[in-house]
């Protein structure tokens, strides 16, 4: 048996969370942190894509306005 690092309660082997306080083992916390990092990376990719698309739309509209203002 192992001990919870937060509250000191005894934990069975192979258990990821303490029944007494709910804190996770370092193994469980590491897996959770990896999931959070992957989710944040996906959000960053989505923001970059939106910014690029917005810039392209703005450039196209600007070109259209300039063409119709100073065009033939």
C-alpha atoms as a PDB file:
ATOM      1  CA  UNK A   1       0.000   0.000   0.000  1.00  0.00           C
ATOM      2  CA  UNK A   2       1.098   3.540  -0.613  1.00  0.00           C
ATOM      3  CA  UNK A   3       0.342   6.794   1.145  1.00  0.00           C
ATOM      4  CA  UNK A   4      -1.363   9.888  -0.281  1.00  0.00           C
ATOM      5  CA  UNK A   5       1.137  12.707  -0.580  1.00  0.00           C
ATOM      6  CA  UNK A   6      -1.492  15.303   0.357  1.00  0.00           C
ATOM      7  CA  UNK A   7      -3.468  13.865   3.289  1.00  0.00           C
ATOM      8  CA  UNK A   8      -1.447  10.791   4.266  1.00  0.00           C
ATOM      9  CA  UNK A   9      -4.286   8.291   3.837  1.00  0.00           C
ATOM     10  CA  UNK A  10      -3.419   4.760   2.750  1.00  0.00           C
ATOM     11  CA  UNK A  11      -4.036   4.026  -0.919  1.00  0.00           C
ATOM     12  CA  UNK A  12      -4.159   0.667  -2.701  1.00  0.00           C
ATOM     13  CA  UNK A  13      -1.563  -0.039  -5.375  1.00  0.00           C
ATOM     14  CA  UNK A  14      -2.587   1.024  -8.867  1.00  0.00           C
ATOM     15  CA  UNK A  15      -5.083   3.643  -7.649  1.00  0.00           C
ATOM     16  CA  UNK A  16      -4.778   7.056  -9.328  1.00  0.00           C
ATOM     17  CA  UNK A  17      -6.799   9.149  -6.862  1.00  0.00           C
ATOM     18  CA  UNK A  18      -7.107   9.276  -3.074  1.00  0.00           C
ATOM     19  CA  UNK A  19     -10.547   8.342  -1.712  1.00  0.00           C
ATOM     20  CA  UNK A  20     -10.124  10.690   1.257  1.00  0.00           C
ATOM     21  CA  UNK A  21      -9.066  13.978  -0.323  1.00  0.00           C
ATOM     22  CA  UNK A  22      -9.399  13.353  -4.076  1.00  0.00           C
ATOM     23  CA  UNK A  23      -5.851  14.376  -4.935  1.00  0.00           C
ATOM     24  CA  UNK A  24      -4.208  12.503  -7.756  1.00  0.00           C
ATOM     25  CA  UNK A  25      -1.003  10.547  -7.788  1.00  0.00           C
ATOM     26  CA  UNK A  26       1.939  12.034  -9.696  1.00  0.00           C
ATOM     27  CA  UNK A  27       1.221   9.567 -12.508  1.00  0.00           C
ATOM     28  CA  UNK A  28      -2.425  10.683 -12.799  1.00  0.00           C
ATOM     29  CA  UNK A  29      -1.507  14.365 -12.543  1.00  0.00           C
ATOM     30  CA  UNK A  30       1.121  13.966 -15.275  1.00  0.00           C
ATOM     31  CA  UNK A  31      -1.407  12.425 -17.654  1.00  0.00           C
ATOM     32  CA  UNK A  32      -3.857  15.244 -16.915  1.00  0.00           C
ATOM     33  CA  UNK A  33      -1.192  17.879 -17.583  1.00  0.00           C
ATOM     34  CA  UNK A  34      -0.364  16.251 -20.914  1.00  0.00           C
ATOM     35  CA  UNK A  35      -4.038  16.361 -21.934  1.00  0.00           C
ATOM     36  CA  UNK A  36      -4.235  20.039 -20.973  1.00  0.00           C
ATOM     37  CA  UNK A  37      -1.133  20.843 -23.032  1.00  0.00           C
ATOM     38  CA  UNK A  38      -2.547  19.065 -26.095  1.00  0.00           C
ATOM     39  CA  UNK A  39      -5.852  20.928 -25.746  1.00  0.00           C
ATOM     40  CA  UNK A  40      -4.082  24.279 -25.472  1.00  0.00           C
ATOM     41  CA  UNK A  41      -1.995  23.501 -28.566  1.00  0.00           C
ATOM     42  CA  UNK A  42      -5.181  22.818 -30.531  1.00  0.00           C
ATOM     43  CA  UNK A  43      -6.678  26.131 -29.363  1.00  0.00           C
ATOM     44  CA  UNK A  44      -3.547  28.002 -30.441  1.00  0.00           C
ATOM     45  CA  UNK A  45      -3.702  26.412 -33.894  1.00  0.00           C
ATOM     46  CA  UNK A  46      -7.341  27.463 -34.241  1.00  0.00           C
ATOM     47  CA  UNK A  47      -6.536  31.070 -33.312  1.00  0.00           C
ATOM     48  CA  UNK A  48      -3.668  31.244 -35.819  1.00  0.00           C
ATOM     49  CA  UNK A  49      -5.897  29.904 -38.576  1.00  0.00           C
ATOM     50  CA  UNK A  50      -8.618  32.437 -37.774  1.00  0.00           C
ATOM     51  CA  UNK A  51      -6.123  35.318 -37.811  1.00  0.00           C
ATOM     52  CA  UNK A  52      -4.705  34.247 -41.192  1.00  0.00           C
ATOM     53  CA  UNK A  53      -8.170  33.881 -42.725  1.00  0.00           C
ATOM     54  CA  UNK A  54      -9.223  37.253 -41.304  1.00  0.00           C
ATOM     55  CA  UNK A  55      -6.132  38.927 -42.758  1.00  0.00           C
ATOM     56  CA  UNK A  56      -6.792  37.413 -46.180  1.00  0.00           C
ATOM     57  CA  UNK A  57     -10.422  38.553 -46.165  1.00  0.00           C
ATOM     58  CA  UNK A  58      -9.355  42.057 -45.099  1.00  0.00           C
ATOM     59  CA  UNK A  59      -6.729  42.203 -47.882  1.00  0.00           C
ATOM     60  CA  UNK A  60      -9.259  41.042 -50.492  1.00  0.00           C
ATOM     61  CA  UNK A  61     -11.858  43.598 -49.393  1.00  0.00           C
ATOM     62  CA  UNK A  62      -9.248  46.369 -49.329  1.00  0.00           C
ATOM     63  CA  UNK A  63      -8.115  45.486 -52.838  1.00  0.00           C
ATOM     64  CA  UNK A  64     -11.725  45.479 -54.047  1.00  0.00           C
ATOM     65  CA  UNK A  65     -12.424  48.909 -52.503  1.00  0.00           C
ATOM     66  CA  UNK A  66      -9.211  50.394 -53.939  1.00  0.00           C
ATOM     67  CA  UNK A  67      -9.941  48.952 -57.386  1.00  0.00           C
ATOM     68  CA  UNK A  68     -13.454  50.414 -57.459  1.00  0.00           C
ATOM     69  CA  UNK A  69     -12.298  53.744 -56.039  1.00  0.00           C
ATOM     70  CA  UNK A  70      -9.303  54.364 -58.289  1.00  0.00           C
ATOM     71  CA  UNK A  71     -10.042  51.901 -61.095  1.00  0.00           C
ATOM     72  CA  UNK A  72     -11.086  52.615 -64.655  1.00  0.00           C
END
